[in-house]
Amino acid sequence: MTDLNHVAVIGRITRDLDGKAFAYLPNGTARANVGIAVDRSRKGADGQWADETSFFDVTIWGKTAENLKRYLVKGQQIAVDGFLKQDRWEKDGQKFSRVAIVANSVQLCGGRGNGGGQSHQGGANFKPNPQAAQQGYLPDYGSMGPDGVGDDGFPEDIPF
């Protein structure tokens, strides 16, 4: 039996992309590394509500990263659907580890934080290449018709 590794978060980008955050690998694949802040409200022991912020690193690959590059700016709200990946390395004899989110799909959710900049309401939904679906990361969207409606194999003129 396979375990489940799936995460979905909505948060705001914490920094603009720079030369290190967006790059092309030697094989030509684009990679964008962004940080997002995700707020969560919780009720404290005193009965008062308090916001709790968590920060996550997100890696976006391929055409999705290329298409979103100009929209990945500080304050932009995005929804990320993906999986967790742990990286481990050793430097100067000391072991390090970090867990990051690898995005399967990214959706632009709203404008920039305090009303500044462009607003991207309703968001464009960007999904990675079809190979991700074949590898089991996403459902297969290959059966979509030209109008964007899925072909479920049922005739359209059902008499009831």
N, C-alpha and C. Protein backbone atom coordinates (compact mmCIF):
# COMPACT_ATOMS: atom_id res chain seq x y z
N MET A 1 0.85 -1.18 0.00
CA MET A 1 0.00 0.00 0.00
C MET A 1 0.89 1.24 0.00
N THR A 2 0.54 2.20 -0.81
CA THR A 2 1.29 3.44 -0.90
C THR A 2 0.82 4.44 0.15
N ASP A 3 1.75 5.16 0.72
CA ASP A 3 1.40 6.20 1.69
C ASP A 3 0.92 7.43 0.95
N LEU A 4 0.35 8.37 1.69
CA LEU A 4 -0.18 9.59 1.11
C LEU A 4 0.71 10.76 1.47
N ASN A 5 1.10 11.52 0.47
CA ASN A 5 1.91 12.73 0.68
C ASN A 5 1.28 13.81 -0.18
N HIS A 6 0.38 14.58 0.40
CA HIS A 6 -0.35 15.61 -0.34
C HIS A 6 -0.55 16.81 0.57
N VAL A 7 -0.35 18.00 0.00
CA VAL A 7 -0.54 19.21 0.79
C VAL A 7 -1.20 20.27 -0.09
N ALA A 8 -2.08 21.04 0.51
CA ALA A 8 -2.72 22.17 -0.16
C ALA A 8 -2.70 23.35 0.80
N VAL A 9 -2.12 24.46 0.36
CA VAL A 9 -2.04 25.65 1.20
C VAL A 9 -2.36 26.88 0.38
N ILE A 10 -2.88 27.90 1.06
CA ILE A 10 -3.10 29.20 0.46
C ILE A 10 -2.37 30.21 1.33
N GLY A 11 -1.52 31.00 0.70
CA GLY A 11 -0.75 31.98 1.45
C GLY A 11 -0.24 33.08 0.56
N ARG A 12 0.53 33.96 1.14
CA ARG A 12 1.08 35.10 0.40
C ARG A 12 2.59 34.95 0.24
N ILE A 13 3.07 35.31 -0.94
CA ILE A 13 4.49 35.22 -1.25
C ILE A 13 5.26 36.21 -0.38
N THR A 14 6.36 35.76 0.19
CA THR A 14 7.11 36.57 1.16
C THR A 14 8.25 37.39 0.55
N ARG A 15 8.64 37.09 -0.68
CA ARG A 15 9.74 37.84 -1.30
C ARG A 15 9.62 37.76 -2.82
N ASP A 16 10.12 38.79 -3.49
CA ASP A 16 10.13 38.81 -4.95
C ASP A 16 11.15 37.79 -5.46
N LEU A 17 10.92 37.31 -6.68
CA LEU A 17 11.89 36.42 -7.31
C LEU A 17 13.14 37.19 -7.67
N ASP A 18 14.29 36.58 -7.47
CA ASP A 18 15.55 37.19 -7.89
C ASP A 18 16.34 36.16 -8.68
N GLY A 19 17.58 36.45 -8.95
CA GLY A 19 18.41 35.56 -9.76
C GLY A 19 18.58 34.17 -9.19
N LYS A 20 18.59 34.04 -7.85
CA LYS A 20 18.73 32.72 -7.24
C LYS A 20 17.39 31.99 -7.15
N ALA A 21 16.32 32.74 -7.01
CA ALA A 21 15.00 32.14 -6.81
C ALA A 21 14.40 31.61 -8.10
N PHE A 22 14.76 32.19 -9.24
CA PHE A 22 14.29 31.69 -10.54
C PHE A 22 15.50 31.39 -11.39
N ALA A 23 15.55 30.18 -11.90
CA ALA A 23 16.70 29.79 -12.71
C ALA A 23 16.31 28.69 -13.69
N TYR A 24 17.13 28.54 -14.70
CA TYR A 24 16.99 27.43 -15.64
C TYR A 24 18.10 26.43 -15.33
N LEU A 25 17.75 25.16 -15.22
CA LEU A 25 18.73 24.11 -15.02
C LEU A 25 19.47 23.88 -16.33
N PRO A 26 20.61 23.21 -16.29
CA PRO A 26 21.36 22.96 -17.53
C PRO A 26 20.55 22.25 -18.62
N ASN A 27 19.55 21.45 -18.22
CA ASN A 27 18.72 20.77 -19.22
C ASN A 27 17.60 21.65 -19.76
N GLY A 28 17.52 22.93 -19.32
CA GLY A 28 16.53 23.87 -19.83
C GLY A 28 15.24 23.96 -19.02
N THR A 29 15.11 23.18 -17.97
CA THR A 29 13.92 23.20 -17.13
C THR A 29 13.95 24.41 -16.20
N ALA A 30 12.84 25.14 -16.16
CA ALA A 30 12.73 26.30 -15.28
C ALA A 30 12.40 25.85 -13.86
N ARG A 31 12.94 26.59 -12.87
CA ARG A 31 12.65 26.33 -11.47
C ARG A 31 12.46 27.66 -10.75
N ALA A 32 11.36 27.77 -10.01
CA ALA A 32 11.12 28.96 -9.18
C ALA A 32 11.00 28.50 -7.73
N ASN A 33 11.78 29.13 -6.86
CA ASN A 33 11.69 28.87 -5.42
C ASN A 33 11.09 30.10 -4.77
N VAL A 34 9.94 29.93 -4.15
CA VAL A 34 9.28 31.04 -3.46
C VAL A 34 9.02 30.64 -2.02
N GLY A 35 8.89 31.64 -1.18
CA GLY A 35 8.48 31.43 0.19
C GLY A 35 7.06 31.96 0.34
N ILE A 36 6.23 31.25 1.09
CA ILE A 36 4.88 31.75 1.35
C ILE A 36 4.62 31.76 2.86
N ALA A 37 3.80 32.72 3.25
CA ALA A 37 3.35 32.83 4.64
C ALA A 37 1.88 32.45 4.68
N VAL A 38 1.55 31.52 5.55
CA VAL A 38 0.19 31.02 5.68
C VAL A 38 -0.31 31.37 7.08
N ASP A 39 -1.39 32.17 7.14
CA ASP A 39 -1.97 32.56 8.43
C ASP A 39 -3.04 31.57 8.85
N ARG A 40 -3.11 31.34 10.15
CA ARG A 40 -4.11 30.47 10.73
C ARG A 40 -4.57 31.11 12.02
N SER A 41 -5.87 31.21 12.22
CA SER A 41 -6.40 31.77 13.46
C SER A 41 -6.68 30.64 14.44
N ARG A 42 -6.32 30.88 15.68
CA ARG A 42 -6.60 29.88 16.71
C ARG A 42 -7.04 30.60 17.98
N LYS A 43 -7.82 29.90 18.76
CA LYS A 43 -8.32 30.46 20.01
C LYS A 43 -7.37 30.08 21.13
N GLY A 44 -6.87 31.09 21.83
CA GLY A 44 -5.93 30.87 22.93
C GLY A 44 -6.64 30.43 24.19
N ALA A 45 -5.84 30.12 25.21
CA ALA A 45 -6.38 29.69 26.50
C ALA A 45 -7.24 30.77 27.15
N ASP A 46 -6.94 32.05 26.82
CA ASP A 46 -7.71 33.16 27.39
C ASP A 46 -9.00 33.44 26.61
N GLY A 47 -9.28 32.63 25.58
CA GLY A 47 -10.50 32.81 24.81
C GLY A 47 -10.37 33.81 23.66
N GLN A 48 -9.23 34.46 23.55
CA GLN A 48 -9.00 35.44 22.48
C GLN A 48 -8.45 34.73 21.24
N TRP A 49 -8.85 35.25 20.08
CA TRP A 49 -8.35 34.71 18.82
C TRP A 49 -7.01 35.36 18.49
N ALA A 50 -6.09 34.54 18.03
CA ALA A 50 -4.77 35.04 17.66
C ALA A 50 -4.36 34.43 16.32
N ASP A 51 -3.70 35.22 15.49
CA ASP A 51 -3.19 34.71 14.22
C ASP A 51 -1.85 34.05 14.44
N GLU A 52 -1.68 32.94 13.79
CA GLU A 52 -0.44 32.18 13.85
C GLU A 52 0.06 32.03 12.42
N THR A 53 1.26 32.46 12.14
CA THR A 53 1.79 32.42 10.78
C THR A 53 2.85 31.34 10.65
N SER A 54 2.72 30.55 9.60
CA SER A 54 3.72 29.54 9.27
C SER A 54 4.34 29.91 7.93
N PHE A 55 5.63 29.64 7.79
CA PHE A 55 6.35 29.97 6.56
C PHE A 55 6.80 28.68 5.89
N PHE A 56 6.59 28.60 4.57
CA PHE A 56 6.93 27.41 3.81
C PHE A 56 7.71 27.79 2.56
N ASP A 57 8.65 26.93 2.18
CA ASP A 57 9.35 27.07 0.91
C ASP A 57 8.59 26.24 -0.11
N VAL A 58 8.41 26.81 -1.32
CA VAL A 58 7.69 26.13 -2.39
C VAL A 58 8.57 26.12 -3.63
N THR A 59 8.67 24.97 -4.27
CA THR A 59 9.39 24.85 -5.53
C THR A 59 8.39 24.59 -6.64
N ILE A 60 8.48 25.42 -7.69
CA ILE A 60 7.60 25.31 -8.85
C ILE A 60 8.49 24.99 -10.05
N TRP A 61 8.10 24.00 -10.84
CA TRP A 61 8.95 23.52 -11.94
C TRP A 61 8.34 23.79 -13.31
N GLY A 62 9.17 23.78 -14.32
CA GLY A 62 8.79 23.72 -15.72
C GLY A 62 8.02 24.92 -16.24
N LYS A 63 7.07 24.64 -17.13
CA LYS A 63 6.27 25.69 -17.76
C LYS A 63 5.46 26.46 -16.74
N THR A 64 5.05 25.79 -15.67
CA THR A 64 4.30 26.49 -14.63
C THR A 64 5.15 27.62 -14.05
N ALA A 65 6.41 27.33 -13.76
CA ALA A 65 7.32 28.36 -13.23
C ALA A 65 7.52 29.48 -14.24
N GLU A 66 7.70 29.13 -15.51
CA GLU A 66 7.90 30.15 -16.55
C GLU A 66 6.67 31.04 -16.69
N ASN A 67 5.49 30.43 -16.73
CA ASN A 67 4.25 31.19 -16.91
C ASN A 67 3.93 32.10 -15.73
N LEU A 68 4.30 31.67 -14.54
CA LEU A 68 3.98 32.45 -13.34
C LEU A 68 5.05 33.45 -12.95
N LYS A 69 6.20 33.41 -13.60
CA LYS A 69 7.36 34.21 -13.18
C LYS A 69 7.00 35.66 -12.92
N ARG A 70 6.29 36.30 -13.81
CA ARG A 70 6.00 37.73 -13.63
C ARG A 70 4.94 38.00 -12.57
N TYR A 71 4.19 36.98 -12.15
CA TYR A 71 3.15 37.18 -11.13
C TYR A 71 3.62 36.82 -9.72
N LEU A 72 4.76 36.15 -9.62
CA LEU A 72 5.26 35.71 -8.31
C LEU A 72 6.00 36.85 -7.63
N VAL A 73 5.23 37.78 -7.08
CA VAL A 73 5.78 38.96 -6.42
C VAL A 73 5.34 38.98 -4.96
N LYS A 74 6.11 39.64 -4.16
CA LYS A 74 5.83 39.73 -2.73
C LYS A 74 4.40 40.24 -2.50
N GLY A 75 3.66 39.53 -1.65
CA GLY A 75 2.30 39.92 -1.32
C GLY A 75 1.23 39.22 -2.14
N GLN A 76 1.58 38.62 -3.28
CA GLN A 76 0.62 37.92 -4.12
C GLN A 76 0.11 36.68 -3.40
N GLN A 77 -1.20 36.51 -3.36
CA GLN A 77 -1.78 35.34 -2.71
C GLN A 77 -1.87 34.21 -3.74
N ILE A 78 -1.39 33.03 -3.35
CA ILE A 78 -1.44 31.88 -4.24
C ILE A 78 -1.95 30.66 -3.49
N ALA A 79 -2.56 29.76 -4.24
CA ALA A 79 -2.96 28.45 -3.71
C ALA A 79 -2.01 27.42 -4.33
N VAL A 80 -1.42 26.61 -3.50
CA VAL A 80 -0.46 25.61 -3.95
C VAL A 80 -0.99 24.23 -3.60
N ASP A 81 -1.00 23.34 -4.59
CA ASP A 81 -1.35 21.96 -4.38
C ASP A 81 -0.12 21.15 -4.75
N GLY A 82 0.36 20.30 -3.86
CA GLY A 82 1.57 19.56 -4.17
C GLY A 82 1.87 18.50 -3.14
N PHE A 83 3.17 18.24 -2.97
CA PHE A 83 3.60 17.24 -2.02
C PHE A 83 4.83 17.73 -1.28
N LEU A 84 5.11 17.11 -0.13
CA LEU A 84 6.25 17.49 0.68
C LEU A 84 7.47 16.68 0.26
N LYS A 85 8.63 17.35 0.24
CA LYS A 85 9.88 16.69 -0.11
C LYS A 85 10.94 17.12 0.90
N GLN A 86 11.62 16.14 1.46
CA GLN A 86 12.67 16.43 2.43
C GLN A 86 14.03 16.36 1.75
N ASP A 87 14.81 17.42 1.92
CA ASP A 87 16.18 17.47 1.42
C ASP A 87 17.11 17.33 2.60
N ARG A 88 18.16 16.52 2.44
CA ARG A 88 19.16 16.33 3.49
C ARG A 88 20.53 16.56 2.88
N TRP A 89 21.41 17.21 3.64
CA TRP A 89 22.77 17.45 3.17
C TRP A 89 23.68 17.62 4.37
N GLU A 90 24.96 17.55 4.09
CA GLU A 90 25.96 17.69 5.14
C GLU A 90 26.94 18.77 4.71
N LYS A 91 27.26 19.67 5.65
CA LYS A 91 28.20 20.75 5.38
C LYS A 91 29.12 20.89 6.58
N ASP A 92 30.40 20.82 6.33
CA ASP A 92 31.41 20.94 7.39
C ASP A 92 31.15 19.96 8.53
N GLY A 93 30.73 18.74 8.17
CA GLY A 93 30.50 17.71 9.18
C GLY A 93 29.18 17.82 9.92
N GLN A 94 28.40 18.85 9.64
CA GLN A 94 27.12 19.03 10.32
C GLN A 94 26.00 18.65 9.36
N LYS A 95 25.03 17.89 9.85
CA LYS A 95 23.92 17.44 9.02
C LYS A 95 22.79 18.46 9.06
N PHE A 96 22.20 18.72 7.88
CA PHE A 96 21.09 19.65 7.75
C PHE A 96 19.92 18.95 7.06
N SER A 97 18.74 19.48 7.28
CA SER A 97 17.54 18.93 6.68
C SER A 97 16.51 20.04 6.53
N ARG A 98 15.71 19.97 5.48
CA ARG A 98 14.59 20.90 5.33
C ARG A 98 13.48 20.21 4.57
N VAL A 99 12.27 20.59 4.87
CA VAL A 99 11.10 20.06 4.18
C VAL A 99 10.48 21.20 3.39
N ALA A 100 10.26 20.97 2.10
CA ALA A 100 9.68 21.99 1.23
C ALA A 100 8.48 21.40 0.50
N ILE A 101 7.66 22.27 -0.04
CA ILE A 101 6.51 21.86 -0.84
C ILE A 101 6.93 21.90 -2.30
N VAL A 102 6.69 20.82 -3.03
CA VAL A 102 6.89 20.78 -4.48
C VAL A 102 5.51 20.92 -5.09
N ALA A 103 5.32 21.96 -5.89
CA ALA A 103 4.00 22.28 -6.42
C ALA A 103 3.64 21.39 -7.61
N ASN A 104 2.44 20.81 -7.56
CA ASN A 104 1.86 20.15 -8.73
C ASN A 104 1.04 21.16 -9.53
N SER A 105 0.36 22.06 -8.82
CA SER A 105 -0.39 23.12 -9.47
C SER A 105 -0.38 24.35 -8.58
N VAL A 106 -0.48 25.51 -9.22
CA VAL A 106 -0.47 26.79 -8.52
C VAL A 106 -1.59 27.64 -9.09
N GLN A 107 -2.32 28.30 -8.23
CA GLN A 107 -3.39 29.18 -8.68
C GLN A 107 -3.20 30.55 -8.04
N LEU A 108 -3.29 31.59 -8.87
CA LEU A 108 -3.24 32.96 -8.36
C LEU A 108 -4.60 33.27 -7.76
N CYS A 109 -4.62 33.74 -6.50
CA CYS A 109 -5.88 33.91 -5.79
C CYS A 109 -6.35 35.35 -5.68
N GLY A 110 -5.46 36.27 -5.50
CA GLY A 110 -5.89 37.63 -5.27
C GLY A 110 -4.80 38.61 -5.60
N GLY A 111 -5.07 39.87 -5.30
CA GLY A 111 -4.12 40.93 -5.57
C GLY A 111 -3.00 40.95 -4.55
N ARG A 112 -2.14 41.93 -4.66
CA ARG A 112 -1.04 42.08 -3.73
C ARG A 112 -1.56 42.61 -2.40
N GLY A 113 -0.97 42.19 -1.36
CA GLY A 113 -1.32 42.50 0.02
C GLY A 113 -2.15 43.72 0.31
N ASN A 114 -1.58 44.90 0.30
CA ASN A 114 -2.26 46.12 0.75
C ASN A 114 -2.85 46.92 -0.39
N GLY A 115 -3.37 46.25 -1.38
CA GLY A 115 -4.03 46.96 -2.47
C GLY A 115 -3.08 47.54 -3.48
N GLY A 116 -1.79 47.33 -3.33
CA GLY A 116 -0.83 47.86 -4.28
C GLY A 116 -0.64 46.91 -5.44
N GLY A 117 -0.19 47.41 -6.54
CA GLY A 117 0.14 46.58 -7.69
C GLY A 117 -1.08 46.05 -8.40
N GLN A 118 -0.82 45.18 -9.34
CA GLN A 118 -1.89 44.61 -10.14
C GLN A 118 -2.66 43.58 -9.35
N SER A 119 -3.94 43.46 -9.65
CA SER A 119 -4.76 42.44 -9.03
C SER A 119 -5.02 41.35 -10.05
N HIS A 120 -4.94 40.12 -9.61
CA HIS A 120 -5.17 38.99 -10.50
C HIS A 120 -6.31 38.17 -9.91
N GLN A 121 -7.48 38.77 -9.81
CA GLN A 121 -8.63 38.12 -9.21
C GLN A 121 -9.09 36.97 -10.09
N GLY A 122 -9.68 35.99 -9.46
CA GLY A 122 -10.20 34.86 -10.21
C GLY A 122 -9.10 33.93 -10.66
N GLY A 123 -7.91 34.38 -10.60
CA GLY A 123 -6.70 33.65 -10.85
C GLY A 123 -6.68 32.72 -12.03
N ALA A 124 -5.59 32.72 -12.70
CA ALA A 124 -5.35 31.74 -13.74
C ALA A 124 -4.84 30.49 -13.05
N ASN A 125 -5.27 29.35 -13.51
CA ASN A 125 -4.84 28.10 -12.91
C ASN A 125 -3.80 27.47 -13.81
N PHE A 126 -2.61 27.25 -13.29
CA PHE A 126 -1.51 26.70 -14.06
C PHE A 126 -1.23 25.30 -13.57
N LYS A 127 -1.17 24.35 -14.48
CA LYS A 127 -0.87 22.97 -14.13
C LYS A 127 0.39 22.54 -14.88
N PRO A 128 1.15 21.63 -14.29
CA PRO A 128 2.37 21.18 -14.96
C PRO A 128 2.09 20.32 -16.18
N ASN A 129 3.13 19.86 -16.80
CA ASN A 129 3.01 19.09 -18.03
C ASN A 129 2.27 17.78 -17.81
N PRO A 130 1.78 17.15 -18.89
CA PRO A 130 1.01 15.91 -18.76
C PRO A 130 1.79 14.76 -18.16
N GLN A 131 3.13 14.81 -18.19
CA GLN A 131 3.92 13.73 -17.61
C GLN A 131 3.66 13.61 -16.11
N ALA A 132 3.34 14.71 -15.44
CA ALA A 132 3.06 14.66 -14.01
C ALA A 132 1.83 13.79 -13.75
N ALA A 133 0.83 13.86 -14.63
CA ALA A 133 -0.36 13.03 -14.46
C ALA A 133 -0.01 11.56 -14.65
N GLN A 134 0.85 11.27 -15.62
CA GLN A 134 1.24 9.89 -15.86
C GLN A 134 2.06 9.33 -14.71
N GLN A 135 2.79 10.17 -13.99
CA GLN A 135 3.60 9.73 -12.87
C GLN A 135 2.78 9.63 -11.59
N GLY A 136 1.49 9.91 -11.67
CA GLY A 136 0.63 9.75 -10.52
C GLY A 136 0.49 10.97 -9.64
N TYR A 137 1.06 12.11 -10.04
CA TYR A 137 0.95 13.31 -9.22
C TYR A 137 -0.38 14.02 -9.41
N LEU A 138 -0.95 13.91 -10.60
CA LEU A 138 -2.20 14.60 -10.90
C LEU A 138 -3.14 13.66 -11.63
N PRO A 139 -4.45 13.94 -11.60
CA PRO A 139 -5.36 13.18 -12.44
C PRO A 139 -5.04 13.47 -13.91
N ASP A 140 -5.43 12.55 -14.78
CA ASP A 140 -5.16 12.72 -16.20
C ASP A 140 -6.18 13.67 -16.80
N TYR A 141 -5.72 14.84 -17.26
CA TYR A 141 -6.59 15.82 -17.87
C TYR A 141 -6.61 15.66 -19.38
N GLY A 142 -6.04 14.58 -19.90
CA GLY A 142 -5.95 14.38 -21.34
C GLY A 142 -7.29 14.15 -21.99
N SER A 143 -8.32 13.80 -21.25
CA SER A 143 -9.63 13.52 -21.84
C SER A 143 -10.51 14.77 -21.91
N MET A 144 -9.94 15.93 -21.73
CA MET A 144 -10.70 17.17 -21.82
C MET A 144 -11.01 17.47 -23.27
N GLY A 145 -12.23 17.88 -23.53
CA GLY A 145 -12.62 18.27 -24.87
C GLY A 145 -12.15 19.68 -25.20
N PRO A 146 -12.35 20.14 -26.44
CA PRO A 146 -11.89 21.48 -26.83
C PRO A 146 -12.58 22.60 -26.07
N ASP A 147 -13.76 22.31 -25.52
CA ASP A 147 -14.48 23.34 -24.76
C ASP A 147 -14.11 23.32 -23.28
N GLY A 148 -13.15 22.47 -22.89
CA GLY A 148 -12.71 22.41 -21.50
C GLY A 148 -13.57 21.51 -20.64
N VAL A 149 -14.56 20.84 -21.24
CA VAL A 149 -15.42 19.94 -20.50
C VAL A 149 -14.91 18.52 -20.69
N GLY A 150 -14.85 17.78 -19.61
CA GLY A 150 -14.31 16.43 -19.68
C GLY A 150 -15.22 15.49 -20.46
N ASP A 151 -14.62 14.51 -21.11
CA ASP A 151 -15.37 13.50 -21.84
C ASP A 151 -15.47 12.29 -20.93
N ASP A 152 -16.63 12.12 -20.30
CA ASP A 152 -16.81 11.03 -19.37
C ASP A 152 -17.40 9.79 -20.03
N GLY A 153 -17.59 9.81 -21.36
CA GLY A 153 -18.08 8.66 -22.08
C GLY A 153 -19.60 8.58 -22.15
N PHE A 154 -20.32 9.53 -21.58
CA PHE A 154 -21.78 9.50 -21.64
C PHE A 154 -22.27 10.38 -22.77
N PRO A 155 -23.28 9.91 -23.51
CA PRO A 155 -23.83 10.77 -24.58
C PRO A 155 -24.53 11.98 -23.95
N GLU A 156 -24.52 13.07 -24.69
CA GLU A 156 -25.07 14.32 -24.15
C GLU A 156 -26.59 14.38 -24.19
N ASP A 157 -27.22 13.56 -24.99
CA ASP A 157 -28.68 13.63 -25.08
C ASP A 157 -29.32 12.44 -24.38
N ILE A 158 -29.14 12.36 -23.07
CA ILE A 158 -29.74 11.30 -22.28
C ILE A 158 -31.21 11.67 -22.06
N PRO A 159 -32.14 10.74 -22.33
CA PRO A 159 -33.58 11.07 -22.31
C PRO A 159 -34.22 11.10 -20.93
N PHE A 160 -33.61 11.66 -19.94
CA PHE A 160 -34.28 11.83 -18.63
C PHE A 160 -33.84 13.06 -17.94
